[in-house]
Amino acid sequence: MTQAQKTILLVEDDERLAALIKEYLEQQGYNILLEYRGDKALDRIKKESPHMVILDLMLPGKDGLSVLKEARPDFAAPVLILTAREDDTDQIVGLELGADDYVQKPVDPGVLLARIRALFRRIDHFSENSDQDSSEKEILKFGELEIHTNSRYVTLFNQPMELSTLEFDLLALLASEPGTVMDRDRLCQTVRGIEYDGLDRSIDVAISRLRKKLEDNPDKPFRIKTIWGSGYLFAQDAWEKSAWQKEVSVKDAWGKDAWGKGSQKKFVLE
């Protein structure tokens, strides 16, 4: 897919800034749509189905984090958030809600362009690799987990999973070399196109979200392991049905109301 074919929806209430970003990105070959209000952004995302959304967090009508939270379940394309705050709280919350990357204001056009290109490059990378040979290379299968690199979706127990672009790319990268420790610098450079600065939390937040979705043990992860001082490791043998059969329900032991009505907690016996 060429840049001219890629449509980006920019949701930014500062009309002057939005016009400058639109002009700059259109000069780079992208088709840019503008929206100034958060409460209209969801309808625009559904209607336009853009290849990417650039989302400011401080918006009239509805803040950007709320837009992201509501849009994410039905929108799998990349979302890049803009934040004017130096505090990294917004960045972390945005990543936890499914944002794929962020750029701080004041926006550096070159940095923004680099992040956009990196996000699209990640998607194109998996598509190009999966077209090389047979369909077997498209699917990474580990027990009950299947990662379809070409069509970019994941199933667990034959049920599709909702993953952001960043989450999918991290999972696919780790699973491409099971049993290999990948440090944050490699993960950051590969999936975000930037060097790890020692402070960036985007990889850690995305890994945390992945573990929750993959039903990994948050206290002692054994599917995507943390190798302290080194990085993360995808465990090849942790996806068989027997691994889930080790999980036991404590609902009956503690009673329904112990965890809240209708809720159920699971622990993994090591």
C-alpha atoms as a PDB file:
ATOM      1  CA  MET A   1       0.000   0.000   0.000  1.00  0.00           C
ATOM      2  CA  THR A   2       1.447   3.382  -1.006  1.00  0.00           C
ATOM      3  CA  GLN A   3       1.390   6.446   1.211  1.00  0.00           C
ATOM      4  CA  ALA A   4      -1.148   8.130  -1.090  1.00  0.00           C
ATOM      5  CA  GLN A   5      -3.553   5.299  -0.387  1.00  0.00           C
ATOM      6  CA  LYS A   6      -3.240   5.665   3.372  1.00  0.00           C
ATOM      7  CA  THR A   7      -5.846   7.784   5.086  1.00  0.00           C
ATOM      8  CA  ILE A   8      -5.181   9.292   8.513  1.00  0.00           C
ATOM      9  CA  LEU A   9      -7.884  10.835  10.666  1.00  0.00           C
ATOM     10  CA  LEU A  10      -6.438  13.687  12.732  1.00  0.00           C
ATOM     11  CA  VAL A  11      -8.540  14.575  15.778  1.00  0.00           C
ATOM     12  CA  GLU A  12      -7.216  17.902  17.068  1.00  0.00           C
ATOM     13  CA  ASP A  13      -9.186  20.891  18.397  1.00  0.00           C
ATOM     14  CA  ASP A  14      -6.431  23.443  17.707  1.00  0.00           C
ATOM     15  CA  GLU A  15      -7.458  24.341  14.156  1.00  0.00           C
ATOM     16  CA  ARG A  16      -4.203  26.132  13.352  1.00  0.00           C
ATOM     17  CA  LEU A  17      -2.092  23.189  14.506  1.00  0.00           C
ATOM     18  CA  ALA A  18      -4.392  20.753  12.728  1.00  0.00           C
ATOM     19  CA  ALA A  19      -4.029  22.703   9.469  1.00  0.00           C
ATOM     20  CA  LEU A  20      -0.235  22.733   9.770  1.00  0.00           C
ATOM     21  CA  ILE A  21      -0.060  18.996  10.466  1.00  0.00           C
ATOM     22  CA  LYS A  22      -2.491  18.283   7.627  1.00  0.00           C
ATOM     23  CA  GLU A  23      -0.455  20.348   5.157  1.00  0.00           C
ATOM     24  CA  TYR A  24       2.821  18.745   6.217  1.00  0.00           C
ATOM     25  CA  LEU A  25       1.562  15.160   6.087  1.00  0.00           C
ATOM     26  CA  GLU A  26      -0.191  15.688   2.766  1.00  0.00           C
ATOM     27  CA  GLN A  27       3.148  16.884   1.392  1.00  0.00           C
ATOM     28  CA  GLN A  28       4.493  13.486   2.476  1.00  0.00           C
ATOM     29  CA  GLY A  29       1.815  11.705   0.452  1.00  0.00           C
ATOM     30  CA  TYR A  30      -0.854  10.911   3.059  1.00  0.00           C
ATOM     31  CA  ASN A  31      -4.576  11.630   2.806  1.00  0.00           C
ATOM     32  CA  ILE A  32      -5.555  13.589   5.925  1.00  0.00           C
ATOM     33  CA  LEU A  33      -9.071  13.935   7.345  1.00  0.00           C
ATOM     34  CA  LEU A  34      -9.753  16.457  10.112  1.00  0.00           C
ATOM     35  CA  GLU A  35     -12.041  16.343  13.142  1.00  0.00           C
ATOM     36  CA  TYR A  36     -12.025  18.989  15.869  1.00  0.00           C
ATOM     37  CA  ARG A  37     -14.376  17.484  18.467  1.00  0.00           C
ATOM     38  CA  GLY A  38     -14.039  14.388  20.601  1.00  0.00           C
ATOM     39  CA  ASP A  39     -17.777  13.694  20.686  1.00  0.00           C
ATOM     40  CA  LYS A  40     -17.817  13.467  16.883  1.00  0.00           C
ATOM     41  CA  ALA A  41     -14.610  11.480  16.543  1.00  0.00           C
ATOM     42  CA  LEU A  42     -16.198   8.060  17.142  1.00  0.00           C
ATOM     43  CA  ASP A  43     -18.688   8.519  14.310  1.00  0.00           C
ATOM     44  CA  ARG A  44     -15.907   9.690  12.010  1.00  0.00           C
ATOM     45  CA  ILE A  45     -13.777   6.653  12.841  1.00  0.00           C
ATOM     46  CA  LYS A  46     -16.682   4.311  12.099  1.00  0.00           C
ATOM     47  CA  LYS A  47     -17.668   6.157   8.937  1.00  0.00           C
ATOM     48  CA  GLU A  48     -14.222   6.763   7.435  1.00  0.00           C
ATOM     49  CA  SER A  49     -12.401   3.584   8.593  1.00  0.00           C
ATOM     50  CA  PRO A  50      -9.016   5.326   8.387  1.00  0.00           C
ATOM     51  CA  HIS A  51      -5.717   3.458   8.263  1.00  0.00           C
ATOM     52  CA  MET A  52      -4.593   5.401  11.333  1.00  0.00           C
ATOM     53  CA  VAL A  53      -5.959   7.861  13.890  1.00  0.00           C
ATOM     54  CA  ILE A  54      -3.879  10.658  15.386  1.00  0.00           C
ATOM     55  CA  LEU A  55      -5.733  11.593  18.540  1.00  0.00           C
ATOM     56  CA  ASP A  56      -5.253  14.612  20.767  1.00  0.00           C
ATOM     57  CA  LEU A  57      -6.174  14.009  24.404  1.00  0.00           C
ATOM     58  CA  MET A  58      -7.572  17.431  25.289  1.00  0.00           C
ATOM     59  CA  LEU A  59     -10.696  17.691  23.164  1.00  0.00           C
ATOM     60  CA  PRO A  60     -14.085  19.425  23.485  1.00  0.00           C
ATOM     61  CA  GLY A  61     -17.160  17.258  23.882  1.00  0.00           C
ATOM     62  CA  LYS A  62     -15.221  14.144  24.895  1.00  0.00           C
ATOM     63  CA  ASP A  63     -11.604  13.747  25.932  1.00  0.00           C
ATOM     64  CA  GLY A  64      -9.219  11.692  23.835  1.00  0.00           C
ATOM     65  CA  LEU A  65      -8.795   8.895  26.358  1.00  0.00           C
ATOM     66  CA  SER A  66     -12.565   8.326  26.405  1.00  0.00           C
ATOM     67  CA  VAL A  67     -12.621   8.300  22.607  1.00  0.00           C
ATOM     68  CA  LEU A  68      -9.793   5.759  22.562  1.00  0.00           C
ATOM     69  CA  LYS A  69     -11.465   3.520  25.144  1.00  0.00           C
ATOM     70  CA  GLU A  70     -14.761   3.459  23.243  1.00  0.00           C
ATOM     71  CA  ALA A  71     -13.230   3.108  19.776  1.00  0.00           C
ATOM     72  CA  ARG A  72     -10.641   0.426  20.470  1.00  0.00           C
ATOM     73  CA  PRO A  73     -12.887  -2.683  20.657  1.00  0.00           C
ATOM     74  CA  ASP A  74     -14.025  -2.151  17.054  1.00  0.00           C
ATOM     75  CA  PHE A  75     -10.995  -0.375  15.585  1.00  0.00           C
ATOM     76  CA  ALA A  76      -7.831  -2.411  15.030  1.00  0.00           C
ATOM     77  CA  ALA A  77      -5.769   0.114  13.053  1.00  0.00           C
ATOM     78  CA  PRO A  78      -2.985   2.123  14.726  1.00  0.00           C
ATOM     79  CA  VAL A  79      -3.816   4.974  17.102  1.00  0.00           C
ATOM     80  CA  LEU A  80      -1.161   7.580  17.873  1.00  0.00           C
ATOM     81  CA  ILE A  81      -1.965   9.957  20.724  1.00  0.00           C
ATOM     82  CA  LEU A  82      -0.828  13.558  21.142  1.00  0.00           C
ATOM     83  CA  THR A  83      -0.279  14.864  24.652  1.00  0.00           C
ATOM     84  CA  ALA A  84       0.728  18.315  25.828  1.00  0.00           C
ATOM     85  CA  ARG A  85       1.551  17.167  29.338  1.00  0.00           C
ATOM     86  CA  GLU A  86       5.094  16.412  30.440  1.00  0.00           C
ATOM     87  CA  ASP A  87       3.795  13.984  33.054  1.00  0.00           C
ATOM     88  CA  ASP A  88       3.890  10.475  31.626  1.00  0.00           C
ATOM     89  CA  THR A  89       0.566   9.535  33.255  1.00  0.00           C
ATOM     90  CA  ASP A  90      -1.436  10.308  30.117  1.00  0.00           C
ATOM     91  CA  GLN A  91       1.007   8.356  27.996  1.00  0.00           C
ATOM     92  CA  ILE A  92       0.785   5.289  30.236  1.00  0.00           C
ATOM     93  CA  VAL A  93      -3.018   5.429  30.503  1.00  0.00           C
ATOM     94  CA  GLY A  94      -3.281   5.874  26.730  1.00  0.00           C
ATOM     95  CA  LEU A  95      -1.064   2.868  26.104  1.00  0.00           C
ATOM     96  CA  GLU A  96      -3.056   0.820  28.609  1.00  0.00           C
ATOM     97  CA  LEU A  97      -6.227   1.709  26.710  1.00  0.00           C
ATOM     98  CA  GLY A  98      -4.706   0.474  23.457  1.00  0.00           C
ATOM     99  CA  ALA A  99      -2.799   3.372  21.899  1.00  0.00           C
ATOM    100  CA  ASP A 100       0.120   2.216  19.766  1.00  0.00           C
ATOM    101  CA  ASP A 101       2.418   5.193  20.236  1.00  0.00           C
ATOM    102  CA  TYR A 102       2.490   8.797  21.403  1.00  0.00           C
ATOM    103  CA  VAL A 103       4.072  12.139  20.521  1.00  0.00           C
ATOM    104  CA  GLN A 104       4.374  15.012  22.968  1.00  0.00           C
ATOM    105  CA  LYS A 105       3.410  18.563  22.125  1.00  0.00           C
ATOM    106  CA  PRO A 106       4.761  20.865  20.884  1.00  0.00           C
ATOM    107  CA  VAL A 107       4.746  18.541  17.905  1.00  0.00           C
ATOM    108  CA  ASP A 108       8.010  18.120  16.031  1.00  0.00           C
ATOM    109  CA  PRO A 109       6.922  17.382  12.423  1.00  0.00           C
ATOM    110  CA  GLY A 110       9.918  15.145  11.801  1.00  0.00           C
ATOM    111  CA  VAL A 111       9.264  13.082  14.942  1.00  0.00           C
ATOM    112  CA  LEU A 112       5.570  12.762  14.100  1.00  0.00           C
ATOM    113  CA  LEU A 113       6.346  11.624  10.567  1.00  0.00           C
ATOM    114  CA  ALA A 114       8.887   9.096  11.831  1.00  0.00           C
ATOM    115  CA  ARG A 115       6.367   7.606  14.275  1.00  0.00           C
ATOM    116  CA  ILE A 116       3.690   7.401  11.569  1.00  0.00           C
ATOM    117  CA  ARG A 117       6.052   5.695   9.146  1.00  0.00           C
ATOM    118  CA  ALA A 118       7.202   3.281  11.846  1.00  0.00           C
ATOM    119  CA  LEU A 119       3.624   2.262  12.646  1.00  0.00           C
ATOM    120  CA  PHE A 120       2.788   1.625   8.994  1.00  0.00           C
ATOM    121  CA  ARG A 121       6.115  -0.103   8.435  1.00  0.00           C
ATOM    122  CA  ARG A 122       5.314  -2.595  11.185  1.00  0.00           C
ATOM    123  CA  ILE A 123       2.072  -3.564   9.465  1.00  0.00           C
ATOM    124  CA  ASP A 124       3.684  -3.766   6.030  1.00  0.00           C
ATOM    125  CA  HIS A 125       6.560  -5.851   7.408  1.00  0.00           C
ATOM    126  CA  PHE A 126       4.307  -8.718   8.493  1.00  0.00           C
ATOM    127  CA  SER A 127       2.244  -8.567   5.306  1.00  0.00           C
ATOM    128  CA  GLU A 128       5.313  -8.701   3.056  1.00  0.00           C
ATOM    129  CA  ASN A 129       6.923 -11.541   5.002  1.00  0.00           C
ATOM    130  CA  SER A 130       3.773 -13.630   4.972  1.00  0.00           C
ATOM    131  CA  ASP A 131       3.437 -13.339   1.179  1.00  0.00           C
ATOM    132  CA  GLN A 132       6.851 -14.875   0.505  1.00  0.00           C
ATOM    133  CA  ASP A 133       6.081 -18.597   0.633  1.00  0.00           C
ATOM    134  CA  SER A 134       3.308 -20.903   1.746  1.00  0.00           C
ATOM    135  CA  SER A 135       0.445 -20.186   4.112  1.00  0.00           C
ATOM    136  CA  GLU A 136       2.242 -22.207   6.770  1.00  0.00           C
ATOM    137  CA  LYS A 137       4.533 -19.233   7.362  1.00  0.00           C
ATOM    138  CA  GLU A 138       1.495 -17.076   7.972  1.00  0.00           C
ATOM    139  CA  ILE A 139       0.476 -18.978  11.095  1.00  0.00           C
ATOM    140  CA  LEU A 140       2.551 -19.303  14.236  1.00  0.00           C
ATOM    141  CA  LYS A 141       0.908 -22.063  16.278  1.00  0.00           C
ATOM    142  CA  PHE A 142       1.666 -22.917  19.882  1.00  0.00           C
ATOM    143  CA  GLY A 143      -0.853 -25.251  21.466  1.00  0.00           C
ATOM    144  CA  GLU A 144      -4.117 -23.329  21.804  1.00  0.00           C
ATOM    145  CA  LEU A 145      -2.570 -20.077  20.523  1.00  0.00           C
ATOM    146  CA  GLU A 146      -2.503 -19.167  16.830  1.00  0.00           C
ATOM    147  CA  ILE A 147      -0.945 -15.994  15.441  1.00  0.00           C
ATOM    148  CA  HIS A 148      -1.918 -15.199  11.850  1.00  0.00           C
ATOM    149  CA  THR A 149       0.781 -12.798  10.688  1.00  0.00           C
ATOM    150  CA  ASN A 150      -0.677 -12.001   7.270  1.00  0.00           C
ATOM    151  CA  SER A 151      -4.247 -11.300   8.298  1.00  0.00           C
ATOM    152  CA  ARG A 152      -2.983  -9.923  11.618  1.00  0.00           C
ATOM    153  CA  TYR A 153      -5.261 -11.672  14.043  1.00  0.00           C
ATOM    154  CA  VAL A 154      -4.793 -13.986  16.979  1.00  0.00           C
ATOM    155  CA  THR A 155      -6.961 -16.809  18.278  1.00  0.00           C
ATOM    156  CA  LEU A 156      -6.851 -18.483  21.674  1.00  0.00           C
ATOM    157  CA  PHE A 157      -8.923 -21.661  22.012  1.00  0.00           C
ATOM    158  CA  ASN A 158     -10.245 -20.827  18.524  1.00  0.00           C
ATOM    159  CA  GLN A 159     -11.647 -17.525  19.807  1.00  0.00           C
ATOM    160  CA  PRO A 160     -10.434 -14.299  18.165  1.00  0.00           C
ATOM    161  CA  MET A 161      -8.614 -11.828  20.407  1.00  0.00           C
ATOM    162  CA  GLU A 162      -8.786  -8.055  20.280  1.00  0.00           C
ATOM    163  CA  LEU A 163      -5.244  -6.704  20.116  1.00  0.00           C
ATOM    164  CA  SER A 164      -3.927  -3.259  19.283  1.00  0.00           C
ATOM    165  CA  THR A 165      -1.295  -2.886  16.572  1.00  0.00           C
ATOM    166  CA  LEU A 166       1.450  -2.577  19.172  1.00  0.00           C
ATOM    167  CA  GLU A 167       0.214  -5.612  21.120  1.00  0.00           C
ATOM    168  CA  PHE A 168      -0.004  -7.745  17.988  1.00  0.00           C
ATOM    169  CA  ASP A 169       3.430  -6.731  16.751  1.00  0.00           C
ATOM    170  CA  LEU A 170       5.037  -7.435  20.116  1.00  0.00           C
ATOM    171  CA  LEU A 171       3.386 -10.836  20.382  1.00  0.00           C
ATOM    172  CA  ALA A 172       4.285 -11.782  16.808  1.00  0.00           C
ATOM    173  CA  LEU A 173       7.873 -10.660  17.293  1.00  0.00           C
ATOM    174  CA  LEU A 174       8.353 -12.552  20.557  1.00  0.00           C
ATOM    175  CA  ALA A 175       6.649 -15.662  19.144  1.00  0.00           C
ATOM    176  CA  SER A 176       8.840 -15.568  16.023  1.00  0.00           C
ATOM    177  CA  GLU A 177      11.768 -16.595  18.243  1.00  0.00           C
ATOM    178  CA  PRO A 178      10.299 -18.654  21.095  1.00  0.00           C
ATOM    179  CA  GLY A 179      12.662 -19.260  23.981  1.00  0.00           C
ATOM    180  CA  THR A 180      14.797 -16.263  23.013  1.00  0.00           C
ATOM    181  CA  VAL A 181      15.229 -13.329  25.380  1.00  0.00           C
ATOM    182  CA  MET A 182      14.558 -10.025  23.614  1.00  0.00           C
ATOM    183  CA  ASP A 183      15.696  -6.866  25.351  1.00  0.00           C
ATOM    184  CA  ARG A 184      13.699  -3.641  25.415  1.00  0.00           C
ATOM    185  CA  ASP A 185      16.044  -1.955  22.959  1.00  0.00           C
ATOM    186  CA  ARG A 186      15.384  -4.576  20.282  1.00  0.00           C
ATOM    187  CA  LEU A 187      11.650  -4.589  20.959  1.00  0.00           C
ATOM    188  CA  CYS A 188      11.465  -0.803  20.913  1.00  0.00           C
ATOM    189  CA  GLN A 189      13.492  -0.458  17.722  1.00  0.00           C
ATOM    190  CA  THR A 190      11.576  -3.189  15.919  1.00  0.00           C
ATOM    191  CA  VAL A 191       7.998  -2.300  16.834  1.00  0.00           C
ATOM    192  CA  ARG A 192       8.303   1.468  17.380  1.00  0.00           C
ATOM    193  CA  GLY A 193      11.252   2.383  15.181  1.00  0.00           C
ATOM    194  CA  ILE A 194      13.063   4.251  17.968  1.00  0.00           C
ATOM    195  CA  GLU A 195      15.848   3.453  20.401  1.00  0.00           C
ATOM    196  CA  TYR A 196      14.977   2.571  23.964  1.00  0.00           C
ATOM    197  CA  ASP A 197      15.939   5.503  26.202  1.00  0.00           C
ATOM    198  CA  GLY A 198      15.772   3.638  29.492  1.00  0.00           C
ATOM    199  CA  LEU A 199      12.614   5.479  30.559  1.00  0.00           C
ATOM    200  CA  ASP A 200      10.028   4.595  27.906  1.00  0.00           C
ATOM    201  CA  ARG A 201       7.191   2.496  29.371  1.00  0.00           C
ATOM    202  CA  SER A 202       5.337   1.675  26.147  1.00  0.00           C
ATOM    203  CA  ILE A 203       6.778  -1.837  25.786  1.00  0.00           C
ATOM    204  CA  ASP A 204       6.190  -2.736  29.442  1.00  0.00           C
ATOM    205  CA  VAL A 205       2.602  -1.463  29.337  1.00  0.00           C
ATOM    206  CA  ALA A 206       1.839  -3.382  26.140  1.00  0.00           C
ATOM    207  CA  ILE A 207       3.349  -6.569  27.599  1.00  0.00           C
ATOM    208  CA  SER A 208       1.192  -6.133  30.702  1.00  0.00           C
ATOM    209  CA  ARG A 209      -1.937  -5.800  28.544  1.00  0.00           C
ATOM    210  CA  LEU A 210      -0.928  -8.855  26.519  1.00  0.00           C
ATOM    211  CA  ARG A 211      -0.526 -10.956  29.647  1.00  0.00           C
ATOM    212  CA  LYS A 212      -4.010 -10.049  30.815  1.00  0.00           C
ATOM    213  CA  LYS A 213      -5.532 -10.942  27.476  1.00  0.00           C
ATOM    214  CA  LEU A 214      -3.558 -14.187  27.257  1.00  0.00           C
ATOM    215  CA  GLU A 215      -4.591 -15.158  30.800  1.00  0.00           C
ATOM    216  CA  ASP A 216      -1.016 -15.179  32.018  1.00  0.00           C
ATOM    217  CA  ASN A 217      -0.296 -15.090  35.735  1.00  0.00           C
ATOM    218  CA  PRO A 218       0.258 -11.378  36.577  1.00  0.00           C
ATOM    219  CA  ASP A 219       2.281 -12.181  39.703  1.00  0.00           C
ATOM    220  CA  LYS A 220       4.456 -14.881  38.154  1.00  0.00           C
ATOM    221  CA  PRO A 221       4.125 -14.784  34.357  1.00  0.00           C
ATOM    222  CA  PHE A 222       5.012 -18.044  32.663  1.00  0.00           C
ATOM    223  CA  ARG A 223       3.764 -17.473  29.103  1.00  0.00           C
ATOM    224  CA  ILE A 224       5.524 -14.186  28.423  1.00  0.00           C
ATOM    225  CA  LYS A 225       8.301 -14.257  30.979  1.00  0.00           C
ATOM    226  CA  THR A 226      10.244 -11.335  32.398  1.00  0.00           C
ATOM    227  CA  ILE A 227      13.954 -12.075  32.450  1.00  0.00           C
ATOM    228  CA  TRP A 228      15.150  -9.511  34.964  1.00  0.00           C
ATOM    229  CA  GLY A 229      17.903  -7.284  33.656  1.00  0.00           C
ATOM    230  CA  SER A 230      17.571  -8.761  30.169  1.00  0.00           C
ATOM    231  CA  GLY A 231      14.099  -8.480  28.665  1.00  0.00           C
ATOM    232  CA  TYR A 232      11.143 -10.699  27.763  1.00  0.00           C
ATOM    233  CA  LEU A 233      10.852 -14.295  26.605  1.00  0.00           C
ATOM    234  CA  PHE A 234       7.997 -16.107  24.844  1.00  0.00           C
ATOM    235  CA  ALA A 235       7.618 -19.565  26.406  1.00  0.00           C
ATOM    236  CA  GLN A 236       6.958 -22.120  23.676  1.00  0.00           C
ATOM    237  CA  ASP A 237       5.534 -24.853  25.913  1.00  0.00           C
ATOM    238  CA  ALA A 238       3.058 -22.756  27.932  1.00  0.00           C
ATOM    239  CA  TRP A 239       0.157 -22.805  25.473  1.00  0.00           C
ATOM    240  CA  GLU A 240      -1.015 -26.402  25.587  1.00  0.00           C
ATOM    241  CA  LYS A 241      -4.454 -27.161  26.988  1.00  0.00           C
ATOM    242  CA  SER A 242      -2.824 -28.808  29.995  1.00  0.00           C
ATOM    243  CA  ALA A 243      -1.421 -25.427  31.067  1.00  0.00           C
ATOM    244  CA  TRP A 244      -4.958 -24.085  31.403  1.00  0.00           C
ATOM    245  CA  GLN A 245      -6.140 -27.237  33.121  1.00  0.00           C
ATOM    246  CA  LYS A 246      -3.746 -26.393  35.951  1.00  0.00           C
ATOM    247  CA  GLU A 247      -5.869 -23.341  36.701  1.00  0.00           C
ATOM    248  CA  VAL A 248      -8.355 -23.959  39.452  1.00  0.00           C
ATOM    249  CA  SER A 249     -11.410 -21.952  40.322  1.00  0.00           C
ATOM    250  CA  VAL A 250     -11.730 -20.666  43.872  1.00  0.00           C
ATOM    251  CA  LYS A 251     -15.258 -19.395  43.370  1.00  0.00           C
ATOM    252  CA  ASP A 252     -16.911 -22.218  45.272  1.00  0.00           C
ATOM    253  CA  ALA A 253     -14.250 -22.267  47.962  1.00  0.00           C
ATOM    254  CA  TRP A 254     -14.640 -18.591  48.793  1.00  0.00           C
ATOM    255  CA  GLY A 255     -18.232 -18.006  47.785  1.00  0.00           C
ATOM    256  CA  LYS A 256     -19.685 -15.869  45.056  1.00  0.00           C
ATOM    257  CA  ASP A 257     -19.790 -12.690  47.111  1.00  0.00           C
ATOM    258  CA  ALA A 258     -16.183 -12.931  48.219  1.00  0.00           C
ATOM    259  CA  TRP A 259     -15.066 -11.500  44.895  1.00  0.00           C
ATOM    260  CA  GLY A 260     -18.209  -9.630  43.910  1.00  0.00           C
ATOM    261  CA  LYS A 261     -21.445 -10.854  42.411  1.00  0.00           C
ATOM    262  CA  GLY A 262     -20.958 -13.284  39.582  1.00  0.00           C
ATOM    263  CA  SER A 263     -17.184 -12.849  39.528  1.00  0.00           C
ATOM    264  CA  GLN A 264     -14.603 -15.576  39.505  1.00  0.00           C
ATOM    265  CA  LYS A 265     -10.880 -15.478  40.270  1.00  0.00           C
ATOM    266  CA  LYS A 266      -8.365 -17.943  38.923  1.00  0.00           C
ATOM    267  CA  PHE A 267      -4.910 -18.810  40.143  1.00  0.00           C
ATOM    268  CA  VAL A 268      -2.223 -20.937  38.560  1.00  0.00           C
ATOM    269  CA  LEU A 269      -0.679 -23.734  40.564  1.00  0.00           C
ATOM    270  CA  GLU A 270       3.042 -23.944  39.922  1.00  0.00           C
END
